[in-house]
C-alpha atoms as a PDB file:
ATOM      1  CA  UNK A   1      -5.997 -25.410  13.409  1.00  0.00           C
ATOM      2  CA  UNK A   2      -4.566 -24.916  16.895  1.00  0.00           C
ATOM      3  CA  UNK A   3      -6.964 -22.231  18.099  1.00  0.00           C
ATOM      4  CA  UNK A   4      -9.551 -22.760  20.865  1.00  0.00           C
ATOM      5  CA  UNK A   5     -11.090 -19.307  20.476  1.00  0.00           C
ATOM      6  CA  UNK A   6     -13.735 -19.047  17.750  1.00  0.00           C
ATOM      7  CA  UNK A   7     -13.678 -15.251  17.423  1.00  0.00           C
ATOM      8  CA  UNK A   8     -11.782 -12.121  18.356  1.00  0.00           C
ATOM      9  CA  UNK A   9     -13.002  -8.656  19.292  1.00  0.00           C
ATOM     10  CA  UNK A  10     -11.492  -5.731  17.394  1.00  0.00           C
ATOM     11  CA  UNK A  11     -11.620  -2.864  19.890  1.00  0.00           C
ATOM     12  CA  UNK A  12     -10.982  -0.304  17.141  1.00  0.00           C
ATOM     13  CA  UNK A  13     -11.821   3.226  18.250  1.00  0.00           C
ATOM     14  CA  UNK A  14     -13.965   2.281  21.260  1.00  0.00           C
ATOM     15  CA  UNK A  15     -12.289   4.989  23.354  1.00  0.00           C
ATOM     16  CA  UNK A  16     -14.260   7.512  21.253  1.00  0.00           C
ATOM     17  CA  UNK A  17     -17.846   6.148  21.428  1.00  0.00           C
ATOM     18  CA  UNK A  18     -19.378   9.547  20.711  1.00  0.00           C
ATOM     19  CA  UNK A  19     -17.420   9.826  17.452  1.00  0.00           C
ATOM     20  CA  UNK A  20     -18.382   6.465  15.890  1.00  0.00           C
ATOM     21  CA  UNK A  21     -20.800   7.877  13.284  1.00  0.00           C
ATOM     22  CA  UNK A  22     -18.473  10.781  12.483  1.00  0.00           C
ATOM     23  CA  UNK A  23     -15.552   8.369  12.037  1.00  0.00           C
ATOM     24  CA  UNK A  24     -17.743   6.135   9.869  1.00  0.00           C
ATOM     25  CA  UNK A  25     -18.629   9.035   7.553  1.00  0.00           C
ATOM     26  CA  UNK A  26     -15.023  10.251   7.452  1.00  0.00           C
ATOM     27  CA  UNK A  27     -13.570   6.843   6.577  1.00  0.00           C
ATOM     28  CA  UNK A  28     -16.390   6.150   4.109  1.00  0.00           C
ATOM     29  CA  UNK A  29     -15.607   9.353   2.193  1.00  0.00           C
ATOM     30  CA  UNK A  30     -11.876   8.571   2.277  1.00  0.00           C
ATOM     31  CA  UNK A  31     -12.507   5.036   1.009  1.00  0.00           C
ATOM     32  CA  UNK A  32     -14.779   6.169  -1.835  1.00  0.00           C
ATOM     33  CA  UNK A  33     -12.330   8.889  -2.941  1.00  0.00           C
ATOM     34  CA  UNK A  34      -9.454   6.378  -2.716  1.00  0.00           C
ATOM     35  CA  UNK A  35     -11.286   3.900  -4.948  1.00  0.00           C
ATOM     36  CA  UNK A  36     -12.286   6.585  -7.456  1.00  0.00           C
ATOM     37  CA  UNK A  37      -8.768   8.060  -7.574  1.00  0.00           C
ATOM     38  CA  UNK A  38      -6.952   4.760  -8.052  1.00  0.00           C
ATOM     39  CA  UNK A  39      -9.484   3.294 -10.490  1.00  0.00           C
ATOM     40  CA  UNK A  40      -9.336   6.537 -12.500  1.00  0.00           C
ATOM     41  CA  UNK A  41      -5.552   6.243 -12.805  1.00  0.00           C
ATOM     42  CA  UNK A  42      -5.900   2.611 -13.941  1.00  0.00           C
ATOM     43  CA  UNK A  43      -8.503   3.639 -16.538  1.00  0.00           C
ATOM     44  CA  UNK A  44      -6.338   6.511 -17.829  1.00  0.00           C
ATOM     45  CA  UNK A  45      -3.264   4.272 -18.153  1.00  0.00           C
ATOM     46  CA  UNK A  46      -5.273   1.674 -20.082  1.00  0.00           C
ATOM     47  CA  UNK A  47      -7.168   4.131 -22.308  1.00  0.00           C
ATOM     48  CA  UNK A  48      -4.533   6.758 -23.191  1.00  0.00           C
ATOM     49  CA  UNK A  49      -1.897   5.676 -25.732  1.00  0.00           C
ATOM     50  CA  UNK A  50       0.552   8.301 -24.440  1.00  0.00           C
ATOM     51  CA  UNK A  51       0.613   6.526 -21.074  1.00  0.00           C
ATOM     52  CA  UNK A  52       1.549   3.133 -22.539  1.00  0.00           C
ATOM     53  CA  UNK A  53       5.074   3.316 -21.167  1.00  0.00           C
ATOM     54  CA  UNK A  54       6.816   1.282 -18.420  1.00  0.00           C
ATOM     55  CA  UNK A  55       6.505   4.100 -15.864  1.00  0.00           C
ATOM     56  CA  UNK A  56       2.735   4.356 -16.267  1.00  0.00           C
ATOM     57  CA  UNK A  57       2.319   0.588 -16.503  1.00  0.00           C
ATOM     58  CA  UNK A  58       3.906   0.380 -13.047  1.00  0.00           C
ATOM     59  CA  UNK A  59       1.762   3.289 -11.858  1.00  0.00           C
ATOM     60  CA  UNK A  60      -1.411   1.520 -13.014  1.00  0.00           C
ATOM     61  CA  UNK A  61      -0.285  -1.687 -11.306  1.00  0.00           C
ATOM     62  CA  UNK A  62       0.475   0.291  -8.155  1.00  0.00           C
ATOM     63  CA  UNK A  63      -2.992   1.866  -8.164  1.00  0.00           C
ATOM     64  CA  UNK A  64      -4.542  -1.597  -8.549  1.00  0.00           C
ATOM     65  CA  UNK A  65      -2.476  -2.786  -5.593  1.00  0.00           C
ATOM     66  CA  UNK A  66      -3.520   0.205  -3.489  1.00  0.00           C
ATOM     67  CA  UNK A  67      -7.196  -0.451  -4.271  1.00  0.00           C
ATOM     68  CA  UNK A  68      -6.896  -4.039  -3.027  1.00  0.00           C
ATOM     69  CA  UNK A  69      -4.724  -2.981  -0.089  1.00  0.00           C
ATOM     70  CA  UNK A  70      -7.168  -0.472   1.375  1.00  0.00           C
ATOM     71  CA  UNK A  71     -10.102  -2.822   0.634  1.00  0.00           C
ATOM     72  CA  UNK A  72      -8.513  -5.445   2.886  1.00  0.00           C
ATOM     73  CA  UNK A  73      -8.969  -3.116   5.885  1.00  0.00           C
ATOM     74  CA  UNK A  74     -11.549  -0.381   5.432  1.00  0.00           C
ATOM     75  CA  UNK A  75     -14.832  -2.239   4.624  1.00  0.00           C
ATOM     76  CA  UNK A  76     -14.580  -4.357   7.801  1.00  0.00           C
ATOM     77  CA  UNK A  77     -13.750  -1.250   9.847  1.00  0.00           C
ATOM     78  CA  UNK A  78     -16.714   0.646   8.354  1.00  0.00           C
ATOM     79  CA  UNK A  79     -19.056  -2.227   9.238  1.00  0.00           C
ATOM     80  CA  UNK A  80     -17.823  -2.171  12.848  1.00  0.00           C
ATOM     81  CA  UNK A  81     -18.254   1.594  13.150  1.00  0.00           C
ATOM     82  CA  UNK A  82     -21.764   1.486  11.683  1.00  0.00           C
ATOM     83  CA  UNK A  83     -23.189  -1.550  13.492  1.00  0.00           C
ATOM     84  CA  UNK A  84     -21.093  -1.575  16.648  1.00  0.00           C
ATOM     85  CA  UNK A  85     -20.329  -5.267  16.051  1.00  0.00           C
ATOM     86  CA  UNK A  86     -16.598  -5.647  16.691  1.00  0.00           C
ATOM     87  CA  UNK A  87     -16.431  -9.440  16.620  1.00  0.00           C
ATOM     88  CA  UNK A  88     -14.496 -11.204  13.897  1.00  0.00           C
ATOM     89  CA  UNK A  89     -13.999 -14.942  13.530  1.00  0.00           C
ATOM     90  CA  UNK A  90     -10.483 -16.309  13.866  1.00  0.00           C
ATOM     91  CA  UNK A  91     -10.566 -17.537  10.252  1.00  0.00           C
ATOM     92  CA  UNK A  92     -11.749 -14.123   8.984  1.00  0.00           C
ATOM     93  CA  UNK A  93      -9.068 -12.428  11.077  1.00  0.00           C
ATOM     94  CA  UNK A  94      -6.311 -14.630   9.650  1.00  0.00           C
ATOM     95  CA  UNK A  95      -7.696 -14.072   6.140  1.00  0.00           C
ATOM     96  CA  UNK A  96      -7.586 -10.300   6.620  1.00  0.00           C
ATOM     97  CA  UNK A  97      -4.073 -10.561   8.048  1.00  0.00           C
ATOM     98  CA  UNK A  98      -2.991 -12.668   5.063  1.00  0.00           C
ATOM     99  CA  UNK A  99      -4.278 -10.273   2.407  1.00  0.00           C
ATOM    100  CA  UNK A 100      -3.119  -7.136   4.225  1.00  0.00           C
ATOM    101  CA  UNK A 101       0.367  -8.557   4.839  1.00  0.00           C
ATOM    102  CA  UNK A 102       0.673  -9.933   1.301  1.00  0.00           C
ATOM    103  CA  UNK A 103      -0.342  -6.657  -0.311  1.00  0.00           C
ATOM    104  CA  UNK A 104       1.987  -4.654   1.969  1.00  0.00           C
ATOM    105  CA  UNK A 105       4.910  -6.920   0.985  1.00  0.00           C
ATOM    106  CA  UNK A 106       3.934  -6.632  -2.686  1.00  0.00           C
ATOM    107  CA  UNK A 107       3.817  -2.841  -2.313  1.00  0.00           C
ATOM    108  CA  UNK A 108       7.384  -2.783  -0.972  1.00  0.00           C
ATOM    109  CA  UNK A 109       8.527  -4.780  -3.998  1.00  0.00           C
ATOM    110  CA  UNK A 110       6.565  -2.702  -6.489  1.00  0.00           C
ATOM    111  CA  UNK A 111       7.904   0.569  -5.049  1.00  0.00           C
ATOM    112  CA  UNK A 112      11.447  -0.762  -5.520  1.00  0.00           C
ATOM    113  CA  UNK A 113      10.559  -1.773  -9.104  1.00  0.00           C
ATOM    114  CA  UNK A 114       9.276   1.746  -9.787  1.00  0.00           C
ATOM    115  CA  UNK A 115      12.436   3.276  -8.329  1.00  0.00           C
ATOM    116  CA  UNK A 116      14.578   0.940 -10.470  1.00  0.00           C
ATOM    117  CA  UNK A 117      12.586   2.054 -13.520  1.00  0.00           C
ATOM    118  CA  UNK A 118      13.351   5.714 -12.710  1.00  0.00           C
ATOM    119  CA  UNK A 119      17.020   4.814 -12.142  1.00  0.00           C
ATOM    120  CA  UNK A 120      17.304   3.258 -15.615  1.00  0.00           C
ATOM    121  CA  UNK A 121      15.415   6.151 -17.250  1.00  0.00           C
ATOM    122  CA  UNK A 122      17.621   8.823 -15.664  1.00  0.00           C
ATOM    123  CA  UNK A 123      20.993   7.118 -15.192  1.00  0.00           C
ATOM    124  CA  UNK A 124      20.973   4.719 -18.188  1.00  0.00           C
ATOM    125  CA  UNK A 125      18.783   6.506 -20.765  1.00  0.00           C
ATOM    126  CA  UNK A 126      20.484   4.944 -23.811  1.00  0.00           C
ATOM    127  CA  UNK A 127      19.814   1.412 -22.562  1.00  0.00           C
ATOM    128  CA  UNK A 128      16.390   2.111 -21.034  1.00  0.00           C
ATOM    129  CA  UNK A 129      14.188   0.962 -23.948  1.00  0.00           C
ATOM    130  CA  UNK A 130      16.135  -2.290 -24.375  1.00  0.00           C
ATOM    131  CA  UNK A 131      16.287  -3.124 -20.657  1.00  0.00           C
ATOM    132  CA  UNK A 132      12.765  -2.092 -19.641  1.00  0.00           C
ATOM    133  CA  UNK A 133      10.841  -3.908 -22.378  1.00  0.00           C
ATOM    134  CA  UNK A 134       7.212  -5.003 -22.066  1.00  0.00           C
ATOM    135  CA  UNK A 135       7.913  -8.624 -21.125  1.00  0.00           C
ATOM    136  CA  UNK A 136      10.384  -7.608 -18.414  1.00  0.00           C
ATOM    137  CA  UNK A 137       7.878  -5.091 -16.991  1.00  0.00           C
ATOM    138  CA  UNK A 138       5.193  -7.780 -16.727  1.00  0.00           C
ATOM    139  CA  UNK A 139       7.632 -10.153 -15.024  1.00  0.00           C
ATOM    140  CA  UNK A 140       8.554  -7.499 -12.450  1.00  0.00           C
ATOM    141  CA  UNK A 141       4.924  -6.731 -11.590  1.00  0.00           C
ATOM    142  CA  UNK A 142       3.819 -10.377 -11.469  1.00  0.00           C
ATOM    143  CA  UNK A 143       6.902 -11.234  -9.403  1.00  0.00           C
ATOM    144  CA  UNK A 144       6.038  -8.482  -6.900  1.00  0.00           C
ATOM    145  CA  UNK A 145       2.482  -9.789  -6.463  1.00  0.00           C
ATOM    146  CA  UNK A 146       3.440 -13.477  -6.266  1.00  0.00           C
ATOM    147  CA  UNK A 147       6.353 -12.785  -3.915  1.00  0.00           C
ATOM    148  CA  UNK A 148       4.101 -10.846  -1.554  1.00  0.00           C
ATOM    149  CA  UNK A 149       1.450 -13.567  -1.389  1.00  0.00           C
ATOM    150  CA  UNK A 150       3.962 -16.398  -0.939  1.00  0.00           C
ATOM    151  CA  UNK A 151       5.885 -14.570   1.776  1.00  0.00           C
ATOM    152  CA  UNK A 152       2.953 -14.181   4.155  1.00  0.00           C
ATOM    153  CA  UNK A 153       1.503 -17.647   3.466  1.00  0.00           C
ATOM    154  CA  UNK A 154       4.304 -19.252   5.512  1.00  0.00           C
ATOM    155  CA  UNK A 155       3.618 -16.988   8.512  1.00  0.00           C
ATOM    156  CA  UNK A 156      -0.166 -17.459   8.353  1.00  0.00           C
ATOM    157  CA  UNK A 157       0.282 -21.216   8.177  1.00  0.00           C
ATOM    158  CA  UNK A 158       2.335 -21.141  11.382  1.00  0.00           C
ATOM    159  CA  UNK A 159      -0.044 -18.723  13.163  1.00  0.00           C
ATOM    160  CA  UNK A 160      -3.001 -20.986  12.334  1.00  0.00           C
ATOM    161  CA  UNK A 161      -1.303 -23.778  14.296  1.00  0.00           C
ATOM    162  CA  UNK A 162      -0.855 -21.864  17.565  1.00  0.00           C
ATOM    163  CA  UNK A 163      -3.450 -21.836  20.337  1.00  0.00           C
ATOM    164  CA  UNK A 164      -5.585 -18.818  21.264  1.00  0.00           C
ATOM    165  CA  UNK A 165      -7.280 -19.273  24.629  1.00  0.00           C
ATOM    166  CA  UNK A 166      -8.001 -15.713  25.734  1.00  0.00           C
ATOM    167  CA  UNK A 167      -8.134 -12.831  26.179  1.00  0.00           C
ATOM    168  CA  UNK A 168      -9.742 -12.413  22.760  1.00  0.00           C
ATOM    169  CA  UNK A 169      -9.565  -8.613  22.452  1.00  0.00           C
ATOM    170  CA  UNK A 170      -7.360  -7.074  19.766  1.00  0.00           C
ATOM    171  CA  UNK A 171      -6.612  -3.440  20.580  1.00  0.00           C
ATOM    172  CA  UNK A 172      -6.602  -2.409  16.941  1.00  0.00           C
ATOM    173  CA  UNK A 173      -9.068  -1.667  14.137  1.00  0.00           C
ATOM    174  CA  UNK A 174      -7.857  -4.554  11.950  1.00  0.00           C
ATOM    175  CA  UNK A 175      -6.019  -7.857  12.382  1.00  0.00           C
ATOM    176  CA  UNK A 176      -2.361  -6.939  12.344  1.00  0.00           C
ATOM    177  CA  UNK A 177       0.465  -9.391  12.931  1.00  0.00           C
ATOM    178  CA  UNK A 178       1.814  -8.316  16.315  1.00  0.00           C
ATOM    179  CA  UNK A 179      -1.557  -7.848  18.129  1.00  0.00           C
ATOM    180  CA  UNK A 180      -2.770 -11.259  16.907  1.00  0.00           C
ATOM    181  CA  UNK A 181       0.379 -13.127  17.988  1.00  0.00           C
ATOM    182  CA  UNK A 182       0.178 -11.499  21.439  1.00  0.00           C
ATOM    183  CA  UNK A 183      -3.196 -13.200  22.032  1.00  0.00           C
ATOM    184  CA  UNK A 184      -1.676 -16.681  21.865  1.00  0.00           C
ATOM    185  CA  UNK A 185      -1.192 -18.674  25.068  1.00  0.00           C
ATOM    186  CA  UNK A 186       1.216 -21.132  23.434  1.00  0.00           C
ATOM    187  CA  UNK A 187       4.890 -20.740  22.613  1.00  0.00           C
ATOM    188  CA  UNK A 188       5.188 -18.249  19.751  1.00  0.00           C
ATOM    189  CA  UNK A 189       8.981 -18.033  19.599  1.00  0.00           C
ATOM    190  CA  UNK A 190       9.292 -19.862  16.262  1.00  0.00           C
ATOM    191  CA  UNK A 191       6.391 -17.872  14.793  1.00  0.00           C
ATOM    192  CA  UNK A 192       7.991 -14.581  15.824  1.00  0.00           C
ATOM    193  CA  UNK A 193      11.429 -15.611  14.496  1.00  0.00           C
ATOM    194  CA  UNK A 194       9.937 -16.789  11.181  1.00  0.00           C
ATOM    195  CA  UNK A 195       7.859 -13.632  10.906  1.00  0.00           C
ATOM    196  CA  UNK A 196      10.887 -11.434  11.602  1.00  0.00           C
ATOM    197  CA  UNK A 197      13.058 -13.247   9.038  1.00  0.00           C
ATOM    198  CA  UNK A 198      10.256 -13.235   6.491  1.00  0.00           C
ATOM    199  CA  UNK A 199       9.508  -9.536   7.001  1.00  0.00           C
ATOM    200  CA  UNK A 200      13.208  -8.691   6.762  1.00  0.00           C
ATOM    201  CA  UNK A 201      13.605 -10.611   3.498  1.00  0.00           C
ATOM    202  CA  UNK A 202      10.587  -9.049   1.833  1.00  0.00           C
ATOM    203  CA  UNK A 203      10.950  -5.470   3.097  1.00  0.00           C
ATOM    204  CA  UNK A 204      14.647  -4.715   3.686  1.00  0.00           C
ATOM    205  CA  UNK A 205      16.036  -5.641   0.219  1.00  0.00           C
ATOM    206  CA  UNK A 206      13.298  -3.661  -1.619  1.00  0.00           C
ATOM    207  CA  UNK A 207      13.933  -0.696   0.687  1.00  0.00           C
ATOM    208  CA  UNK A 208      17.713  -0.873   0.106  1.00  0.00           C
ATOM    209  CA  UNK A 209      17.181  -1.168  -3.661  1.00  0.00           C
ATOM    210  CA  UNK A 210      14.878   1.865  -3.554  1.00  0.00           C
ATOM    211  CA  UNK A 211      17.409   3.793  -1.474  1.00  0.00           C
ATOM    212  CA  UNK A 212      20.319   2.834  -3.769  1.00  0.00           C
ATOM    213  CA  UNK A 213      18.303   3.816  -6.853  1.00  0.00           C
ATOM    214  CA  UNK A 214      17.598   7.272  -5.463  1.00  0.00           C
ATOM    215  CA  UNK A 215      21.196   7.790  -4.358  1.00  0.00           C
ATOM    216  CA  UNK A 216      22.246   7.147  -7.964  1.00  0.00           C
ATOM    217  CA  UNK A 217      19.406   9.298  -9.334  1.00  0.00           C
ATOM    218  CA  UNK A 218      20.221  12.267  -7.097  1.00  0.00           C
ATOM    219  CA  UNK A 219      23.921  11.892  -7.888  1.00  0.00           C
ATOM    220  CA  UNK A 220      23.129  11.985 -11.624  1.00  0.00           C
ATOM    221  CA  UNK A 221      20.803  14.971 -11.233  1.00  0.00           C
ATOM    222  CA  UNK A 222      23.451  16.954  -9.340  1.00  0.00           C
ATOM    223  CA  UNK A 223      25.876  16.465 -12.247  1.00  0.00           C
ATOM    224  CA  UNK A 224      23.477  18.123 -14.701  1.00  0.00           C
ATOM    225  CA  UNK A 225      24.930  21.608 -15.362  1.00  0.00           C
ATOM    226  CA  UNK A 226      21.730  23.609 -15.909  1.00  0.00           C
ATOM    227  CA  UNK A 227      19.197  24.290 -13.138  1.00  0.00           C
ATOM    228  CA  UNK A 228      16.343  23.909 -15.639  1.00  0.00           C
ATOM    229  CA  UNK A 229      17.659  20.495 -16.642  1.00  0.00           C
ATOM    230  CA  UNK A 230      17.883  19.398 -13.004  1.00  0.00           C
ATOM    231  CA  UNK A 231      14.310  20.464 -12.298  1.00  0.00           C
ATOM    232  CA  UNK A 232      13.000  18.716 -15.408  1.00  0.00           C
ATOM    233  CA  UNK A 233      14.731  15.416 -14.581  1.00  0.00           C
ATOM    234  CA  UNK A 234      13.834  15.554 -10.891  1.00  0.00           C
ATOM    235  CA  UNK A 235      10.172  16.195 -11.710  1.00  0.00           C
ATOM    236  CA  UNK A 236       9.972  12.774 -13.384  1.00  0.00           C
ATOM    237  CA  UNK A 237      10.720  10.970 -10.108  1.00  0.00           C
ATOM    238  CA  UNK A 238       9.648  13.435  -7.391  1.00  0.00           C
ATOM    239  CA  UNK A 239       6.106  12.011  -7.114  1.00  0.00           C
ATOM    240  CA  UNK A 240       7.421   8.505  -6.594  1.00  0.00           C
ATOM    241  CA  UNK A 241       9.965   9.745  -4.049  1.00  0.00           C
ATOM    242  CA  UNK A 242       7.185  11.426  -2.028  1.00  0.00           C
ATOM    243  CA  UNK A 243       5.100   8.222  -2.082  1.00  0.00           C
ATOM    244  CA  UNK A 244       8.094   6.124  -0.983  1.00  0.00           C
ATOM    245  CA  UNK A 245       8.852   8.531   1.874  1.00  0.00           C
ATOM    246  CA  UNK A 246       5.243   8.519   3.116  1.00  0.00           C
ATOM    247  CA  UNK A 247       4.930   4.722   2.864  1.00  0.00           C
ATOM    248  CA  UNK A 248       8.173   3.789   4.595  1.00  0.00           C
ATOM    249  CA  UNK A 249       7.917   6.672   7.080  1.00  0.00           C
ATOM    250  CA  UNK A 250       4.517   5.576   8.374  1.00  0.00           C
ATOM    251  CA  UNK A 251       5.501   1.888   8.180  1.00  0.00           C
ATOM    252  CA  UNK A 252       8.552   2.456  10.396  1.00  0.00           C
ATOM    253  CA  UNK A 253       6.557   4.554  12.879  1.00  0.00           C
ATOM    254  CA  UNK A 254       3.825   1.898  13.185  1.00  0.00           C
ATOM    255  CA  UNK A 255       6.187  -0.962  13.927  1.00  0.00           C
ATOM    256  CA  UNK A 256       8.477   1.023  16.209  1.00  0.00           C
ATOM    257  CA  UNK A 257       5.640   2.513  18.254  1.00  0.00           C
ATOM    258  CA  UNK A 258       3.790  -0.821  18.500  1.00  0.00           C
ATOM    259  CA  UNK A 259       6.327  -2.113  21.031  1.00  0.00           C
ATOM    260  CA  UNK A 260       5.342   0.513  23.598  1.00  0.00           C
ATOM    261  CA  UNK A 261       2.013  -0.038  25.379  1.00  0.00           C
ATOM    262  CA  UNK A 262       1.853   3.582  26.535  1.00  0.00           C
ATOM    263  CA  UNK A 263       1.812   4.702  22.892  1.00  0.00           C
ATOM    264  CA  UNK A 264      -0.789   2.190  21.655  1.00  0.00           C
ATOM    265  CA  UNK A 265      -3.332   4.859  20.685  1.00  0.00           C
ATOM    266  CA  UNK A 266      -0.605   6.699  18.768  1.00  0.00           C
ATOM    267  CA  UNK A 267       0.088   3.414  16.992  1.00  0.00           C
ATOM    268  CA  UNK A 268      -3.523   3.377  15.814  1.00  0.00           C
ATOM    269  CA  UNK A 269      -3.138   6.906  14.453  1.00  0.00           C
ATOM    270  CA  UNK A 270      -0.049   5.938  12.446  1.00  0.00           C
ATOM    271  CA  UNK A 271      -1.844   2.778  11.274  1.00  0.00           C
ATOM    272  CA  UNK A 272      -4.634   4.984   9.894  1.00  0.00           C
ATOM    273  CA  UNK A 273      -2.009   6.901   7.904  1.00  0.00           C
ATOM    274  CA  UNK A 274      -0.332   3.687   6.796  1.00  0.00           C
ATOM    275  CA  UNK A 275      -3.428   1.655   5.912  1.00  0.00           C
ATOM    276  CA  UNK A 276      -6.101   4.231   5.052  1.00  0.00           C
ATOM    277  CA  UNK A 277      -4.665   7.626   4.127  1.00  0.00           C
ATOM    278  CA  UNK A 278      -1.613   6.527   2.125  1.00  0.00           C
ATOM    279  CA  UNK A 279      -3.711   4.832  -0.600  1.00  0.00           C
ATOM    280  CA  UNK A 280      -5.743   8.068  -0.784  1.00  0.00           C
ATOM    281  CA  UNK A 281      -2.717  10.348  -1.033  1.00  0.00           C
ATOM    282  CA  UNK A 282      -0.901   8.349  -3.729  1.00  0.00           C
ATOM    283  CA  UNK A 283      -3.292   9.015  -6.657  1.00  0.00           C
ATOM    284  CA  UNK A 284      -3.542  12.668  -5.598  1.00  0.00           C
ATOM    285  CA  UNK A 285       0.238  13.035  -5.636  1.00  0.00           C
ATOM    286  CA  UNK A 286       0.615  11.369  -9.029  1.00  0.00           C
ATOM    287  CA  UNK A 287      -2.300  13.228 -10.622  1.00  0.00           C
ATOM    288  CA  UNK A 288      -1.511  16.689  -9.246  1.00  0.00           C
ATOM    289  CA  UNK A 289       2.254  16.543  -9.860  1.00  0.00           C
ATOM    290  CA  UNK A 290       2.263  14.776 -13.231  1.00  0.00           C
ATOM    291  CA  UNK A 291       1.584  16.775 -16.389  1.00  0.00           C
ATOM    292  CA  UNK A 292       0.961  13.717 -18.576  1.00  0.00           C
ATOM    293  CA  UNK A 293      -1.618  12.276 -16.170  1.00  0.00           C
ATOM    294  CA  UNK A 294      -3.357  15.660 -15.920  1.00  0.00           C
ATOM    295  CA  UNK A 295      -3.382  15.973 -19.716  1.00  0.00           C
ATOM    296  CA  UNK A 296      -4.800  12.439 -20.086  1.00  0.00           C
ATOM    297  CA  UNK A 297      -7.485  13.297 -17.524  1.00  0.00           C
ATOM    298  CA  UNK A 298      -8.333  16.552 -19.337  1.00  0.00           C
ATOM    299  CA  UNK A 299      -8.737  14.689 -22.655  1.00  0.00           C
ATOM    300  CA  UNK A 300     -10.858  11.978 -21.007  1.00  0.00           C
ATOM    301  CA  UNK A 301     -13.176  14.579 -19.452  1.00  0.00           C
ATOM    302  CA  UNK A 302     -13.438  16.406 -22.791  1.00  0.00           C
ATOM    303  CA  UNK A 303     -14.305  13.158 -24.624  1.00  0.00           C
ATOM    304  CA  UNK A 304     -16.885  12.282 -21.953  1.00  0.00           C
ATOM    305  CA  UNK A 305     -18.705  15.617 -22.207  1.00  0.00           C
ATOM    306  CA  UNK A 306     -18.504  15.546 -26.022  1.00  0.00           C
ATOM    307  CA  UNK A 307     -20.054  12.063 -26.053  1.00  0.00           C
ATOM    308  CA  UNK A 308     -22.747  13.126 -23.559  1.00  0.00           C
ATOM    309  CA  UNK A 309     -23.628  16.159 -25.666  1.00  0.00           C
ATOM    310  CA  UNK A 310     -23.958  14.018 -28.805  1.00  0.00           C
ATOM    311  CA  UNK A 311     -26.255  11.584 -26.987  1.00  0.00           C
ATOM    312  CA  UNK A 312     -28.498  14.390 -25.758  1.00  0.00           C
ATOM    313  CA  UNK A 313     -28.854  16.108 -29.138  1.00  0.00           C
END
């Protein structure tokens, strides 16, 4: 490895020393609710026969991804807020960067897969069952995960070869790509070019596919003569559209703002939305806006209390 530094310092939210415990409690609650929400969706998709469809298979996979995604950032941040220890070894930093970047790339792919699923269901309903069969669904999900992890491996391999010789402070609450590369005192041109090409390949095509899918979906919806019919069809993809908008909106803001030093604190705020709040919001959006998920949850709660009552008596 090319590094001379043995550890970095994640500055995190040091500008608010009086709020450390409050921030710890806030992020702890958010993390717990995020885990419960996403794991609950996974459990419902697995347990309820009515949710054994491609759309809910992708939703369960997405919730699993979100659970891993937020777990790559939040536990380390919580430990720093609680103990005040902001140091992180270079190897641990690169490991966090690898998993966070891989899962973010996989999320882009999986969101495009989910939008393609909605496109087939709405625009090609007669061919949907044949095209979106179980084997194809598994291939799409596995391909999203594998593609994400392979994409970032190349960048991490190159970053591990560059030299870090100080300063060792990362003005962020986790190891993100741009702040880490800025700490290098060697030539990072090839790393930056490779990272840019890699990021473009694994984010732009999924975004364009998602965009194209929704252009076709909206075009199809607008051709439906009845208002009731339009609302019914749109309701099947509105939750996913909201999630896509939040994800890409915060993602764009983070990586546009990050180039301006004067707006660094604002970058942290958007990173909180992007890395911490988005995984929390997703299960809420899907559960509150989806009748089938709410019905599956109602039946699960009813079965739980019925079982508990039987055990007691």
